[in-house]
Amino acid sequence: MAKGGSGLIWATAEDLARNRPVVLSLYRQILRALNSPELPLGHAARLAKKAECRAIFIFGAEERSLHNIRDLLDAARHTLGILNRGRLP
């Protein structure tokens, strides 16, 4: 990891490998939650939300900052919580 003024800021291959199962799990859980019949979505809107989710995770896959990775994981967990309550984020 590269060092910044106050600590480590860049993810190493080790960090990325450690986060991979968490990221894949969150991605799958969000896609499953978007399939829930409790959500007020039509078929086209459901597909659009899935495409949006896919784009966010693809964009996040290129992220190398530990802080940004942590923020993306927190946002994914928050989104999943909202979806599990039957609401749209």
PDB file of N, CA and C in Angstrom:
ATOM      1  N   MET A   1       0.827  -1.189   0.000  1.00  0.00           N
ATOM      2  CA  MET A   1       0.000   0.000   0.000  1.00  0.00           C
ATOM      3  C   MET A   1       0.865   1.243   0.000  1.00  0.00           C
ATOM      4  N   ALA A   2       0.400   2.247  -0.664  1.00  0.00           N
ATOM      5  CA  ALA A   2       1.102   3.525  -0.649  1.00  0.00           C
ATOM      6  C   ALA A   2       0.741   4.260   0.629  1.00  0.00           C
ATOM      7  N   LYS A   3       1.674   4.987   1.149  1.00  0.00           N
ATOM      8  CA  LYS A   3       1.422   5.713   2.393  1.00  0.00           C
ATOM      9  C   LYS A   3       1.109   7.164   2.104  1.00  0.00           C
ATOM     10  N   GLY A   4       0.110   7.653   2.797  1.00  0.00           N
ATOM     11  CA  GLY A   4      -0.215   9.074   2.718  1.00  0.00           C
ATOM     12  C   GLY A   4       0.301   9.747   3.973  1.00  0.00           C
ATOM     13  N   GLY A   5      -0.097  10.978   4.191  1.00  0.00           N
ATOM     14  CA  GLY A   5       0.352  11.702   5.366  1.00  0.00           C
ATOM     15  C   GLY A   5      -0.139  11.091   6.664  1.00  0.00           C
ATOM     16  N   SER A   6      -1.331  10.471   6.655  1.00  0.00           N
ATOM     17  CA  SER A   6      -1.885   9.976   7.914  1.00  0.00           C
ATOM     18  C   SER A   6      -2.064   8.466   7.934  1.00  0.00           C
ATOM     19  N   GLY A   7      -1.532   7.760   6.974  1.00  0.00           N
ATOM     20  CA  GLY A   7      -1.674   6.305   7.001  1.00  0.00           C
ATOM     21  C   GLY A   7      -1.781   5.719   5.607  1.00  0.00           C
ATOM     22  N   LEU A   8      -2.257   4.492   5.577  1.00  0.00           N
ATOM     23  CA  LEU A   8      -2.351   3.773   4.319  1.00  0.00           C
ATOM     24  C   LEU A   8      -3.621   4.185   3.574  1.00  0.00           C
ATOM     25  N   ILE A   9      -3.478   4.476   2.276  1.00  0.00           N
ATOM     26  CA  ILE A   9      -4.655   4.926   1.531  1.00  0.00           C
ATOM     27  C   ILE A   9      -4.961   4.091   0.297  1.00  0.00           C
ATOM     28  N   TRP A  10      -4.004   3.344  -0.244  1.00  0.00           N
ATOM     29  CA  TRP A  10      -4.243   2.602  -1.471  1.00  0.00           C
ATOM     30  C   TRP A  10      -4.354   1.115  -1.181  1.00  0.00           C
ATOM     31  N   ALA A  11      -5.294   0.483  -1.841  1.00  0.00           N
ATOM     32  CA  ALA A  11      -5.519  -0.942  -1.630  1.00  0.00           C
ATOM     33  C   ALA A  11      -4.466  -1.770  -2.365  1.00  0.00           C
ATOM     34  N   THR A  12      -4.020  -2.828  -1.718  1.00  0.00           N
ATOM     35  CA  THR A  12      -3.108  -3.775  -2.356  1.00  0.00           C
ATOM     36  C   THR A  12      -3.931  -4.921  -2.931  1.00  0.00           C
ATOM     37  N   ALA A  13      -3.294  -5.810  -3.639  1.00  0.00           N
ATOM     38  CA  ALA A  13      -3.979  -6.983  -4.179  1.00  0.00           C
ATOM     39  C   ALA A  13      -4.583  -7.812  -3.048  1.00  0.00           C
ATOM     40  N   GLU A  14      -3.888  -7.847  -1.906  1.00  0.00           N
ATOM     41  CA  GLU A  14      -4.386  -8.558  -0.725  1.00  0.00           C
ATOM     42  C   GLU A  14      -5.707  -7.969  -0.242  1.00  0.00           C
ATOM     43  N   ASP A  15      -5.755  -6.638  -0.145  1.00  0.00           N
ATOM     44  CA  ASP A  15      -6.975  -5.954   0.296  1.00  0.00           C
ATOM     45  C   ASP A  15      -8.131  -6.228  -0.659  1.00  0.00           C
ATOM     46  N   LEU A  16      -7.833  -6.160  -1.950  1.00  0.00           N
ATOM     47  CA  LEU A  16      -8.872  -6.387  -2.953  1.00  0.00           C
ATOM     48  C   LEU A  16      -9.381  -7.822  -2.895  1.00  0.00           C
ATOM     49  N   ALA A  17      -8.485  -8.766  -2.706  1.00  0.00           N
ATOM     50  CA  ALA A  17      -8.886 -10.171  -2.608  1.00  0.00           C
ATOM     51  C   ALA A  17      -9.728 -10.415  -1.361  1.00  0.00           C
ATOM     52  N   ARG A  18      -9.397  -9.724  -0.284  1.00  0.00           N
ATOM     53  CA  ARG A  18     -10.143  -9.878   0.968  1.00  0.00           C
ATOM     54  C   ARG A  18     -11.560  -9.314   0.826  1.00  0.00           C
ATOM     55  N   ASN A  19     -11.724  -8.242   0.057  1.00  0.00           N
ATOM     56  CA  ASN A  19     -13.034  -7.617  -0.112  1.00  0.00           C
ATOM     57  C   ASN A  19     -13.890  -8.293  -1.174  1.00  0.00           C
ATOM     58  N   ARG A  20     -13.282  -9.063  -2.047  1.00  0.00           N
ATOM     59  CA  ARG A  20     -14.018  -9.647  -3.177  1.00  0.00           C
ATOM     60  C   ARG A  20     -15.247 -10.461  -2.756  1.00  0.00           C
ATOM     61  N   PRO A  21     -15.151 -11.394  -1.793  1.00  0.00           N
ATOM     62  CA  PRO A  21     -16.347 -12.159  -1.414  1.00  0.00           C
ATOM     63  C   PRO A  21     -17.457 -11.269  -0.843  1.00  0.00           C
ATOM     64  N   VAL A  22     -17.086 -10.241  -0.108  1.00  0.00           N
ATOM     65  CA  VAL A  22     -18.068  -9.320   0.469  1.00  0.00           C
ATOM     66  C   VAL A  22     -18.792  -8.565  -0.636  1.00  0.00           C
ATOM     67  N   VAL A  23     -18.027  -8.088  -1.600  1.00  0.00           N
ATOM     68  CA  VAL A  23     -18.597  -7.322  -2.708  1.00  0.00           C
ATOM     69  C   VAL A  23     -19.530  -8.199  -3.534  1.00  0.00           C
ATOM     70  N   LEU A  24     -19.097  -9.404  -3.869  1.00  0.00           N
ATOM     71  CA  LEU A  24     -19.939 -10.308  -4.654  1.00  0.00           C
ATOM     72  C   LEU A  24     -21.218 -10.665  -3.906  1.00  0.00           C
ATOM     73  N   SER A  25     -21.102 -10.890  -2.614  1.00  0.00           N
ATOM     74  CA  SER A  25     -22.273 -11.212  -1.809  1.00  0.00           C
ATOM     75  C   SER A  25     -23.264 -10.050  -1.790  1.00  0.00           C
ATOM     76  N   LEU A  26     -22.779  -8.837  -1.570  1.00  0.00           N
ATOM     77  CA  LEU A  26     -23.662  -7.671  -1.565  1.00  0.00           C
ATOM     78  C   LEU A  26     -24.318  -7.469  -2.927  1.00  0.00           C
ATOM     79  N   TYR A  27     -23.561  -7.641  -3.982  1.00  0.00           N
ATOM     80  CA  TYR A  27     -24.090  -7.488  -5.339  1.00  0.00           C
ATOM     81  C   TYR A  27     -25.240  -8.472  -5.579  1.00  0.00           C
ATOM     82  N   ARG A  28     -25.014  -9.733  -5.228  1.00  0.00           N
ATOM     83  CA  ARG A  28     -26.057 -10.752  -5.426  1.00  0.00           C
ATOM     84  C   ARG A  28     -27.277 -10.484  -4.555  1.00  0.00           C
ATOM     85  N   GLN A  29     -27.052 -10.066  -3.306  1.00  0.00           N
ATOM     86  CA  GLN A  29     -28.174  -9.773  -2.418  1.00  0.00           C
ATOM     87  C   GLN A  29     -29.009  -8.603  -2.926  1.00  0.00           C
ATOM     88  N   ILE A  30     -28.349  -7.588  -3.463  1.00  0.00           N
ATOM     89  CA  ILE A  30     -29.071  -6.429  -4.004  1.00  0.00           C
ATOM     90  C   ILE A  30     -29.878  -6.842  -5.227  1.00  0.00           C
ATOM     91  N   LEU A  31     -29.287  -7.643  -6.111  1.00  0.00           N
ATOM     92  CA  LEU A  31     -30.035  -8.111  -7.288  1.00  0.00           C
ATOM     93  C   LEU A  31     -31.231  -8.958  -6.874  1.00  0.00           C
ATOM     94  N   ARG A  32     -31.062  -9.818  -5.869  1.00  0.00           N
ATOM     95  CA  ARG A  32     -32.187 -10.618  -5.376  1.00  0.00           C
ATOM     96  C   ARG A  32     -33.270  -9.730  -4.774  1.00  0.00           C
ATOM     97  N   ALA A  33     -32.851  -8.719  -4.021  1.00  0.00           N
ATOM     98  CA  ALA A  33     -33.819  -7.804  -3.401  1.00  0.00           C
ATOM     99  C   ALA A  33     -34.590  -7.021  -4.465  1.00  0.00           C
ATOM    100  N   LEU A  34     -33.937  -6.682  -5.570  1.00  0.00           N
ATOM    101  CA  LEU A  34     -34.622  -5.969  -6.652  1.00  0.00           C
ATOM    102  C   LEU A  34     -35.675  -6.846  -7.326  1.00  0.00           C
ATOM    103  N   ASN A  35     -35.564  -8.163  -7.194  1.00  0.00           N
ATOM    104  CA  ASN A  35     -36.562  -9.081  -7.747  1.00  0.00           C
ATOM    105  C   ASN A  35     -37.774  -9.251  -6.842  1.00  0.00           C
ATOM    106  N   SER A  36     -37.736  -8.680  -5.659  1.00  0.00           N
ATOM    107  CA  SER A  36     -38.818  -8.846  -4.696  1.00  0.00           C
ATOM    108  C   SER A  36     -40.140  -8.296  -5.239  1.00  0.00           C
ATOM    109  N   PRO A  37     -41.212  -9.076  -5.116  1.00  0.00           N
ATOM    110  CA  PRO A  37     -42.522  -8.583  -5.556  1.00  0.00           C
ATOM    111  C   PRO A  37     -43.060  -7.460  -4.662  1.00  0.00           C
ATOM    112  N   GLU A  38     -42.451  -7.243  -3.504  1.00  0.00           N
ATOM    113  CA  GLU A  38     -42.871  -6.173  -2.599  1.00  0.00           C
ATOM    114  C   GLU A  38     -42.498  -4.787  -3.115  1.00  0.00           C
ATOM    115  N   LEU A  39     -41.513  -4.725  -4.015  1.00  0.00           N
ATOM    116  CA  LEU A  39     -41.093  -3.429  -4.553  1.00  0.00           C
ATOM    117  C   LEU A  39     -42.081  -2.963  -5.622  1.00  0.00           C
ATOM    118  N   PRO A  40     -42.442  -1.678  -5.580  1.00  0.00           N
ATOM    119  CA  PRO A  40     -43.405  -1.156  -6.553  1.00  0.00           C
ATOM    120  C   PRO A  40     -42.736  -0.837  -7.892  1.00  0.00           C
ATOM    121  N   LEU A  41     -42.277  -1.888  -8.577  1.00  0.00           N
ATOM    122  CA  LEU A  41     -41.575  -1.709  -9.852  1.00  0.00           C
ATOM    123  C   LEU A  41     -42.217  -2.569 -10.937  1.00  0.00           C
ATOM    124  N   GLY A  42     -42.328  -1.998 -12.129  1.00  0.00           N
ATOM    125  CA  GLY A  42     -42.719  -2.771 -13.292  1.00  0.00           C
ATOM    126  C   GLY A  42     -41.500  -3.498 -13.829  1.00  0.00           C
ATOM    127  N   HIS A  43     -41.719  -4.303 -14.868  1.00  0.00           N
ATOM    128  CA  HIS A  43     -40.621  -5.096 -15.411  1.00  0.00           C
ATOM    129  C   HIS A  43     -39.492  -4.210 -15.949  1.00  0.00           C
ATOM    130  N   ALA A  44     -39.851  -3.191 -16.727  1.00  0.00           N
ATOM    131  CA  ALA A  44     -38.827  -2.313 -17.316  1.00  0.00           C
ATOM    132  C   ALA A  44     -38.066  -1.545 -16.234  1.00  0.00           C
ATOM    133  N   ALA A  45     -38.782  -1.060 -15.229  1.00  0.00           N
ATOM    134  CA  ALA A  45     -38.133  -0.324 -14.133  1.00  0.00           C
ATOM    135  C   ALA A  45     -37.210  -1.243 -13.337  1.00  0.00           C
ATOM    136  N   ARG A  46     -37.632  -2.488 -13.151  1.00  0.00           N
ATOM    137  CA  ARG A  46     -36.809  -3.467 -12.428  1.00  0.00           C
ATOM    138  C   ARG A  46     -35.507  -3.726 -13.191  1.00  0.00           C
ATOM    139  N   LEU A  47     -35.606  -3.902 -14.511  1.00  0.00           N
ATOM    140  CA  LEU A  47     -34.414  -4.118 -15.332  1.00  0.00           C
ATOM    141  C   LEU A  47     -33.501  -2.897 -15.315  1.00  0.00           C
ATOM    142  N   ALA A  48     -34.097  -1.699 -15.318  1.00  0.00           N
ATOM    143  CA  ALA A  48     -33.295  -0.473 -15.271  1.00  0.00           C
ATOM    144  C   ALA A  48     -32.543  -0.366 -13.945  1.00  0.00           C
ATOM    145  N   LYS A  49     -33.202  -0.721 -12.839  1.00  0.00           N
ATOM    146  CA  LYS A  49     -32.536  -0.683 -11.520  1.00  0.00           C
ATOM    147  C   LYS A  49     -31.392  -1.690 -11.459  1.00  0.00           C
ATOM    148  N   LYS A  50     -31.613  -2.871 -12.056  1.00  0.00           N
ATOM    149  CA  LYS A  50     -30.546  -3.876 -12.075  1.00  0.00           C
ATOM    150  C   LYS A  50     -29.361  -3.385 -12.900  1.00  0.00           C
ATOM    151  N   ALA A  51     -29.631  -2.737 -14.021  1.00  0.00           N
ATOM    152  CA  ALA A  51     -28.551  -2.202 -14.860  1.00  0.00           C
ATOM    153  C   ALA A  51     -27.795  -1.105 -14.111  1.00  0.00           C
ATOM    154  N   GLU A  52     -28.515  -0.283 -13.366  1.00  0.00           N
ATOM    155  CA  GLU A  52     -27.889   0.771 -12.563  1.00  0.00           C
ATOM    156  C   GLU A  52     -26.987   0.157 -11.490  1.00  0.00           C
ATOM    157  N   CYS A  53     -27.473  -0.875 -10.844  1.00  0.00           N
ATOM    158  CA  CYS A  53     -26.688  -1.574  -9.814  1.00  0.00           C
ATOM    159  C   CYS A  53     -25.426  -2.174 -10.430  1.00  0.00           C
ATOM    160  N   ARG A  54     -25.567  -2.814 -11.572  1.00  0.00           N
ATOM    161  CA  ARG A  54     -24.428  -3.423 -12.265  1.00  0.00           C
ATOM    162  C   ARG A  54     -23.377  -2.368 -12.610  1.00  0.00           C
ATOM    163  N   ALA A  55     -23.844  -1.226 -13.103  1.00  0.00           N
ATOM    164  CA  ALA A  55     -22.921  -0.148 -13.486  1.00  0.00           C
ATOM    165  C   ALA A  55     -22.157   0.380 -12.262  1.00  0.00           C
ATOM    166  N   ILE A  56     -22.845   0.527 -11.153  1.00  0.00           N
ATOM    167  CA  ILE A  56     -22.197   1.021  -9.928  1.00  0.00           C
ATOM    168  C   ILE A  56     -21.128   0.032  -9.462  1.00  0.00           C
ATOM    169  N   PHE A  57     -21.449  -1.267  -9.492  1.00  0.00           N
ATOM    170  CA  PHE A  57     -20.473  -2.258  -9.041  1.00  0.00           C
ATOM    171  C   PHE A  57     -19.302  -2.373 -10.018  1.00  0.00           C
ATOM    172  N   ILE A  58     -19.548  -2.222 -11.312  1.00  0.00           N
ATOM    173  CA  ILE A  58     -18.452  -2.252 -12.286  1.00  0.00           C
ATOM    174  C   ILE A  58     -17.539  -1.045 -12.062  1.00  0.00           C
ATOM    175  N   PHE A  59     -18.137   0.121 -11.852  1.00  0.00           N
ATOM    176  CA  PHE A  59     -17.357   1.323 -11.561  1.00  0.00           C
ATOM    177  C   PHE A  59     -16.559   1.134 -10.272  1.00  0.00           C
ATOM    178  N   GLY A  60     -17.196   0.581  -9.258  1.00  0.00           N
ATOM    179  CA  GLY A  60     -16.541   0.364  -7.974  1.00  0.00           C
ATOM    180  C   GLY A  60     -15.418  -0.658  -8.044  1.00  0.00           C
ATOM    181  N   ALA A  61     -15.489  -1.583  -9.009  1.00  0.00           N
ATOM    182  CA  ALA A  61     -14.456  -2.610  -9.145  1.00  0.00           C
ATOM    183  C   ALA A  61     -13.102  -2.016  -9.520  1.00  0.00           C
ATOM    184  N   GLU A  62     -13.118  -0.824 -10.091  1.00  0.00           N
ATOM    185  CA  GLU A  62     -11.867  -0.176 -10.495  1.00  0.00           C
ATOM    186  C   GLU A  62     -11.299   0.737  -9.410  1.00  0.00           C
ATOM    187  N   GLU A  63     -12.006   0.863  -8.318  1.00  0.00           N
ATOM    188  CA  GLU A  63     -11.592   1.762  -7.238  1.00  0.00           C
ATOM    189  C   GLU A  63     -10.404   1.164  -6.483  1.00  0.00           C
ATOM    190  N   ARG A  64      -9.426   1.997  -6.133  1.00  0.00           N
ATOM    191  CA  ARG A  64      -8.235   1.536  -5.422  1.00  0.00           C
ATOM    192  C   ARG A  64      -8.025   2.242  -4.079  1.00  0.00           C
ATOM    193  N   SER A  65      -8.830   3.226  -3.765  1.00  0.00           N
ATOM    194  CA  SER A  65      -8.696   3.936  -2.499  1.00  0.00           C
ATOM    195  C   SER A  65      -9.447   3.177  -1.410  1.00  0.00           C
ATOM    196  N   LEU A  66      -8.767   2.895  -0.300  1.00  0.00           N
ATOM    197  CA  LEU A  66      -9.400   2.170   0.798  1.00  0.00           C
ATOM    198  C   LEU A  66     -10.624   2.904   1.337  1.00  0.00           C
ATOM    199  N   HIS A  67     -10.537   4.217   1.431  1.00  0.00           N
ATOM    200  CA  HIS A  67     -11.659   5.000   1.949  1.00  0.00           C
ATOM    201  C   HIS A  67     -12.857   4.911   1.009  1.00  0.00           C
ATOM    202  N   ASN A  68     -12.614   5.001  -0.286  1.00  0.00           N
ATOM    203  CA  ASN A  68     -13.703   4.925  -1.251  1.00  0.00           C
ATOM    204  C   ASN A  68     -14.317   3.529  -1.296  1.00  0.00           C
ATOM    205  N   ILE A  69     -13.482   2.501  -1.173  1.00  0.00           N
ATOM    206  CA  ILE A  69     -13.987   1.124  -1.140  1.00  0.00           C
ATOM    207  C   ILE A  69     -14.878   0.944   0.083  1.00  0.00           C
ATOM    208  N   ARG A  70     -14.425   1.434   1.220  1.00  0.00           N
ATOM    209  CA  ARG A  70     -15.218   1.332   2.449  1.00  0.00           C
ATOM    210  C   ARG A  70     -16.549   2.071   2.301  1.00  0.00           C
ATOM    211  N   ASP A  71     -16.510   3.264   1.689  1.00  0.00           N
ATOM    212  CA  ASP A  71     -17.740   4.036   1.471  1.00  0.00           C
ATOM    213  C   ASP A  71     -18.691   3.309   0.527  1.00  0.00           C
ATOM    214  N   LEU A  72     -18.160   2.698  -0.525  1.00  0.00           N
ATOM    215  CA  LEU A  72     -19.009   1.957  -1.453  1.00  0.00           C
ATOM    216  C   LEU A  72     -19.663   0.752  -0.778  1.00  0.00           C
ATOM    217  N   LEU A  73     -18.913   0.054   0.070  1.00  0.00           N
ATOM    218  CA  LEU A  73     -19.487  -1.082   0.799  1.00  0.00           C
ATOM    219  C   LEU A  73     -20.566  -0.618   1.772  1.00  0.00           C
ATOM    220  N   ASP A  74     -20.331   0.492   2.456  1.00  0.00           N
ATOM    221  CA  ASP A  74     -21.348   1.041   3.366  1.00  0.00           C
ATOM    222  C   ASP A  74     -22.606   1.433   2.605  1.00  0.00           C
ATOM    223  N   ALA A  75     -22.439   2.060   1.444  1.00  0.00           N
ATOM    224  CA  ALA A  75     -23.593   2.463   0.631  1.00  0.00           C
ATOM    225  C   ALA A  75     -24.362   1.230   0.147  1.00  0.00           C
ATOM    226  N   ALA A  76     -23.639   0.177  -0.227  1.00  0.00           N
ATOM    227  CA  ALA A  76     -24.303  -1.051  -0.685  1.00  0.00           C
ATOM    228  C   ALA A  76     -25.094  -1.689   0.454  1.00  0.00           C
ATOM    229  N   ARG A  77     -24.520  -1.711   1.658  1.00  0.00           N
ATOM    230  CA  ARG A  77     -25.242  -2.273   2.815  1.00  0.00           C
ATOM    231  C   ARG A  77     -26.479  -1.442   3.144  1.00  0.00           C
ATOM    232  N   HIS A  78     -26.358  -0.133   3.068  1.00  0.00           N
ATOM    233  CA  HIS A  78     -27.487   0.759   3.330  1.00  0.00           C
ATOM    234  C   HIS A  78     -28.598   0.542   2.297  1.00  0.00           C
ATOM    235  N   THR A  79     -28.208   0.454   1.022  1.00  0.00           N
ATOM    236  CA  THR A  79     -29.169   0.207  -0.056  1.00  0.00           C
ATOM    237  C   THR A  79     -29.881  -1.118   0.151  1.00  0.00           C
ATOM    238  N   LEU A  80     -29.148  -2.142   0.531  1.00  0.00           N
ATOM    239  CA  LEU A  80     -29.743  -3.447   0.767  1.00  0.00           C
ATOM    240  C   LEU A  80     -30.765  -3.380   1.906  1.00  0.00           C
ATOM    241  N   GLY A  81     -30.434  -2.645   2.963  1.00  0.00           N
ATOM    242  CA  GLY A  81     -31.368  -2.488   4.072  1.00  0.00           C
ATOM    243  C   GLY A  81     -32.664  -1.818   3.631  1.00  0.00           C
ATOM    244  N   ILE A  82     -32.551  -0.795   2.813  1.00  0.00           N
ATOM    245  CA  ILE A  82     -33.742  -0.096   2.313  1.00  0.00           C
ATOM    246  C   ILE A  82     -34.569  -1.031   1.430  1.00  0.00           C
ATOM    247  N   LEU A  83     -33.900  -1.768   0.537  1.00  0.00           N
ATOM    248  CA  LEU A  83     -34.610  -2.694  -0.346  1.00  0.00           C
ATOM    249  C   LEU A  83     -35.310  -3.796   0.444  1.00  0.00           C
ATOM    250  N   ASN A  84     -34.668  -4.288   1.491  1.00  0.00           N
ATOM    251  CA  ASN A  84     -35.272  -5.345   2.311  1.00  0.00           C
ATOM    252  C   ASN A  84     -36.497  -4.861   3.067  1.00  0.00           C
ATOM    253  N   ARG A  85     -36.620  -3.560   3.250  1.00  0.00           N
ATOM    254  CA  ARG A  85     -37.831  -3.002   3.881  1.00  0.00           C
ATOM    255  C   ARG A  85     -38.927  -2.724   2.859  1.00  0.00           C
ATOM    256  N   GLY A  86     -38.679  -3.074   1.592  1.00  0.00           N
ATOM    257  CA  GLY A  86     -39.682  -2.897   0.555  1.00  0.00           C
ATOM    258  C   GLY A  86     -39.750  -1.488  -0.011  1.00  0.00           C
ATOM    259  N   ARG A  87     -38.687  -0.697   0.187  1.00  0.00           N
ATOM    260  CA  ARG A  87     -38.643   0.660  -0.336  1.00  0.00           C
ATOM    261  C   ARG A  87     -37.540   0.772  -1.371  1.00  0.00           C
ATOM    262  N   LEU A  88     -37.644   1.790  -2.201  1.00  0.00           N
ATOM    263  CA  LEU A  88     -36.608   2.039  -3.210  1.00  0.00           C
ATOM    264  C   LEU A  88     -35.613   3.078  -2.716  1.00  0.00           C
ATOM    265  N   PRO A  89     -34.323   2.846  -2.934  1.00  0.00           N
ATOM    266  CA  PRO A  89     -33.326   3.835  -2.513  1.00  0.00           C
ATOM    267  C   PRO A  89     -33.306   5.044  -3.430  1.00  0.00           C
TER     268      PRO A  89
END
